[in-house]
Amino acid sequence: QVQVVESGGGLVQAGGSLRLSCAASGSIFSMNVMGWYRQAPGKQRELVATITVGGNTNYADSVKGRFTISRGGAENKVYLQMNSLKPEDTAVYYCNAKRPAYDYWGQGTQVTVSS
């Protein structure tokens, strides 16, 4: 059974940085796409960034130039380096891992940016 576990959230002041990590364990297959989504209170879950097994990336306009997504080589791991954080980045961040016919989610990690 595949487990997706995130780590690295926390409280940071505006302008600061955080690095989120995620590992999808329990699968012998590579995840075609891994990514990060976030959900702020009272809002819908939204895409933050994704990366394919080939290294192609996609970012939400709101994080371009501030966040960087990367994968952990051949392992089903993904990272999100978040710089120049803003209060509006406050949300629960969820890791997602996809392969054909399968879609896995982590439990989420809280990121809070104080002004």
C-alpha atoms as a PDB file:
ATOM      1  CA  GLN A   1       0.000   0.000   0.000  1.00  0.00           C
ATOM      2  CA  VAL A   2       1.368   3.396  -0.994  1.00  0.00           C
ATOM      3  CA  GLN A   3       1.909   5.947   1.763  1.00  0.00           C
ATOM      4  CA  VAL A   4       2.575   9.607   1.087  1.00  0.00           C
ATOM      5  CA  VAL A   5       4.168  11.516   3.939  1.00  0.00           C
ATOM      6  CA  GLU A   6       5.007  15.221   4.019  1.00  0.00           C
ATOM      7  CA  SER A   7       7.328  17.080   6.368  1.00  0.00           C
ATOM      8  CA  GLY A   8       8.864  20.506   6.768  1.00  0.00           C
ATOM      9  CA  GLY A   9       5.950  22.797   7.467  1.00  0.00           C
ATOM     10  CA  GLY A  10       5.960  25.365  10.231  1.00  0.00           C
ATOM     11  CA  LEU A  11       5.698  29.009  11.212  1.00  0.00           C
ATOM     12  CA  VAL A  12       7.850  31.600   9.450  1.00  0.00           C
ATOM     13  CA  GLN A  13       7.883  35.365   9.132  1.00  0.00           C
ATOM     14  CA  ALA A  14       7.057  37.060   5.857  1.00  0.00           C
ATOM     15  CA  GLY A  15      10.092  37.064   3.595  1.00  0.00           C
ATOM     16  CA  GLY A  16      11.421  33.859   5.095  1.00  0.00           C
ATOM     17  CA  SER A  17      11.932  30.419   3.615  1.00  0.00           C
ATOM     18  CA  LEU A  18      10.779  26.861   4.218  1.00  0.00           C
ATOM     19  CA  ARG A  19      11.526  23.557   2.494  1.00  0.00           C
ATOM     20  CA  LEU A  20       8.862  20.886   2.269  1.00  0.00           C
ATOM     21  CA  SER A  21       9.683  17.238   1.679  1.00  0.00           C
ATOM     22  CA  CYS A  22       7.497  14.361   0.578  1.00  0.00           C
ATOM     23  CA  ALA A  23       8.088  10.659   0.118  1.00  0.00           C
ATOM     24  CA  ALA A  24       5.730   8.158  -1.516  1.00  0.00           C
ATOM     25  CA  SER A  25       6.681   4.725  -0.230  1.00  0.00           C
ATOM     26  CA  GLY A  26       5.355   1.246  -0.859  1.00  0.00           C
ATOM     27  CA  SER A  27       5.320   1.290  -4.649  1.00  0.00           C
ATOM     28  CA  ILE A  28       7.712  -0.468  -7.002  1.00  0.00           C
ATOM     29  CA  PHE A  29       6.599   1.892  -9.778  1.00  0.00           C
ATOM     30  CA  SER A  30       7.780   5.418 -10.398  1.00  0.00           C
ATOM     31  CA  MET A  31       5.185   8.093  -9.927  1.00  0.00           C
ATOM     32  CA  ASN A  32       4.705   9.820 -13.276  1.00  0.00           C
ATOM     33  CA  VAL A  33       3.863  13.153 -11.672  1.00  0.00           C
ATOM     34  CA  MET A  34       4.445  14.418  -8.166  1.00  0.00           C
ATOM     35  CA  GLY A  35       3.391  17.765  -6.866  1.00  0.00           C
ATOM     36  CA  TRP A  36       2.195  20.095  -4.186  1.00  0.00           C
ATOM     37  CA  TYR A  37      -1.246  21.539  -3.636  1.00  0.00           C
ATOM     38  CA  ARG A  38      -2.465  23.832  -0.880  1.00  0.00           C
ATOM     39  CA  GLN A  39      -5.712  24.705   0.809  1.00  0.00           C
ATOM     40  CA  ALA A  40      -6.251  27.858   2.826  1.00  0.00           C
ATOM     41  CA  PRO A  41      -9.166  28.171   5.274  1.00  0.00           C
ATOM     42  CA  GLY A  42     -12.434  28.708   3.433  1.00  0.00           C
ATOM     43  CA  LYS A  43     -10.852  28.155   0.028  1.00  0.00           C
ATOM     44  CA  GLN A  44     -10.633  25.319  -2.444  1.00  0.00           C
ATOM     45  CA  ARG A  45      -7.499  23.214  -2.796  1.00  0.00           C
ATOM     46  CA  GLU A  46      -5.268  24.670  -5.497  1.00  0.00           C
ATOM     47  CA  LEU A  47      -2.230  23.554  -7.427  1.00  0.00           C
ATOM     48  CA  VAL A  48       1.111  24.961  -6.297  1.00  0.00           C
ATOM     49  CA  ALA A  49       3.604  23.070  -8.448  1.00  0.00           C
ATOM     50  CA  THR A  50       4.078  19.738 -10.193  1.00  0.00           C
ATOM     51  CA  ILE A  51       7.018  17.880 -11.670  1.00  0.00           C
ATOM     52  CA  THR A  52       7.067  14.907 -14.019  1.00  0.00           C
ATOM     53  CA  VAL A  53       9.409  11.936 -13.853  1.00  0.00           C
ATOM     54  CA  GLY A  54      11.247  13.574 -16.754  1.00  0.00           C
ATOM     55  CA  GLY A  55      11.725  16.799 -14.828  1.00  0.00           C
ATOM     56  CA  ASN A  56       9.133  19.004 -16.500  1.00  0.00           C
ATOM     57  CA  THR A  57       7.707  21.510 -14.025  1.00  0.00           C
ATOM     58  CA  ASN A  58       4.536  23.535 -13.758  1.00  0.00           C
ATOM     59  CA  TYR A  59       3.873  26.346 -11.260  1.00  0.00           C
ATOM     60  CA  ALA A  60       0.921  28.413 -10.178  1.00  0.00           C
ATOM     61  CA  ASP A  61       1.373  32.024 -11.267  1.00  0.00           C
ATOM     62  CA  SER A  62       1.240  33.127  -7.633  1.00  0.00           C
ATOM     63  CA  VAL A  63       4.428  31.217  -6.729  1.00  0.00           C
ATOM     64  CA  LYS A  64       6.515  31.544  -9.895  1.00  0.00           C
ATOM     65  CA  GLY A  65       9.948  32.923  -9.130  1.00  0.00           C
ATOM     66  CA  ARG A  66       9.596  32.212  -5.397  1.00  0.00           C
ATOM     67  CA  PHE A  67       9.025  28.446  -5.142  1.00  0.00           C
ATOM     68  CA  THR A  68      11.086  25.659  -6.690  1.00  0.00           C
ATOM     69  CA  ILE A  69       9.956  22.056  -7.012  1.00  0.00           C
ATOM     70  CA  SER A  70      12.439  19.203  -7.430  1.00  0.00           C
ATOM     71  CA  ARG A  71      12.463  15.423  -7.370  1.00  0.00           C
ATOM     72  CA  GLY A  72      14.733  13.077  -5.479  1.00  0.00           C
ATOM     73  CA  GLY A  73      16.385  11.285  -8.394  1.00  0.00           C
ATOM     74  CA  ALA A  74      14.934   7.840  -9.120  1.00  0.00           C
ATOM     75  CA  GLU A  75      13.087   7.754  -5.811  1.00  0.00           C
ATOM     76  CA  ASN A  76       9.477   8.783  -5.352  1.00  0.00           C
ATOM     77  CA  LYS A  77      10.416  11.900  -3.446  1.00  0.00           C
ATOM     78  CA  VAL A  78       9.598  15.521  -4.113  1.00  0.00           C
ATOM     79  CA  TYR A  79      10.667  18.766  -2.508  1.00  0.00           C
ATOM     80  CA  LEU A  80       9.338  22.301  -2.478  1.00  0.00           C
ATOM     81  CA  GLN A  81      11.725  25.140  -1.691  1.00  0.00           C
ATOM     82  CA  MET A  82       9.665  28.166  -0.731  1.00  0.00           C
ATOM     83  CA  ASN A  83      11.387  31.551  -0.606  1.00  0.00           C
ATOM     84  CA  SER A  84      10.096  35.094  -0.088  1.00  0.00           C
ATOM     85  CA  LEU A  85       7.065  33.714   1.690  1.00  0.00           C
ATOM     86  CA  LYS A  86       3.983  35.900   2.021  1.00  0.00           C
ATOM     87  CA  PRO A  87       1.089  35.755   4.495  1.00  0.00           C
ATOM     88  CA  GLU A  88      -1.154  34.663   1.615  1.00  0.00           C
ATOM     89  CA  ASP A  89       0.956  31.501   1.294  1.00  0.00           C
ATOM     90  CA  THR A  90      -0.497  30.337   4.617  1.00  0.00           C
ATOM     91  CA  ALA A  91      -2.274  27.024   4.022  1.00  0.00           C
ATOM     92  CA  VAL A  92      -2.132  23.303   4.514  1.00  0.00           C
ATOM     93  CA  TYR A  93       0.204  21.944   1.859  1.00  0.00           C
ATOM     94  CA  TYR A  94      -0.556  18.504   0.423  1.00  0.00           C
ATOM     95  CA  CYS A  95       1.762  16.238  -1.509  1.00  0.00           C
ATOM     96  CA  ASN A  96       0.308  14.356  -4.472  1.00  0.00           C
ATOM     97  CA  ALA A  97       1.709  11.423  -6.418  1.00  0.00           C
ATOM     98  CA  LYS A  98       0.202  10.103  -9.622  1.00  0.00           C
ATOM     99  CA  ARG A  99       0.737   7.173 -11.930  1.00  0.00           C
ATOM    100  CA  PRO A 100      -1.718   5.780 -14.509  1.00  0.00           C
ATOM    101  CA  ALA A 101      -5.028   4.979 -12.788  1.00  0.00           C
ATOM    102  CA  TYR A 102      -3.661   5.858  -9.351  1.00  0.00           C
ATOM    103  CA  ASP A 103      -3.716   9.112  -7.388  1.00  0.00           C
ATOM    104  CA  TYR A 104      -2.241   9.337  -3.903  1.00  0.00           C
ATOM    105  CA  TRP A 105      -2.413  12.137  -1.311  1.00  0.00           C
ATOM    106  CA  GLY A 106      -0.599  12.881   1.888  1.00  0.00           C
ATOM    107  CA  GLN A 107      -2.212  14.117   5.083  1.00  0.00           C
ATOM    108  CA  GLY A 108      -0.873  17.639   4.671  1.00  0.00           C
ATOM    109  CA  THR A 109       1.526  19.889   6.509  1.00  0.00           C
ATOM    110  CA  GLN A 110       0.674  23.330   7.860  1.00  0.00           C
ATOM    111  CA  VAL A 111       2.583  26.363   6.620  1.00  0.00           C
ATOM    112  CA  THR A 112       1.894  29.615   8.442  1.00  0.00           C
ATOM    113  CA  VAL A 113       3.470  32.908   7.354  1.00  0.00           C
ATOM    114  CA  SER A 114       3.179  35.776   9.812  1.00  0.00           C
ATOM    115  CA  SER A 115       3.217  39.406   8.715  1.00  0.00           C
END
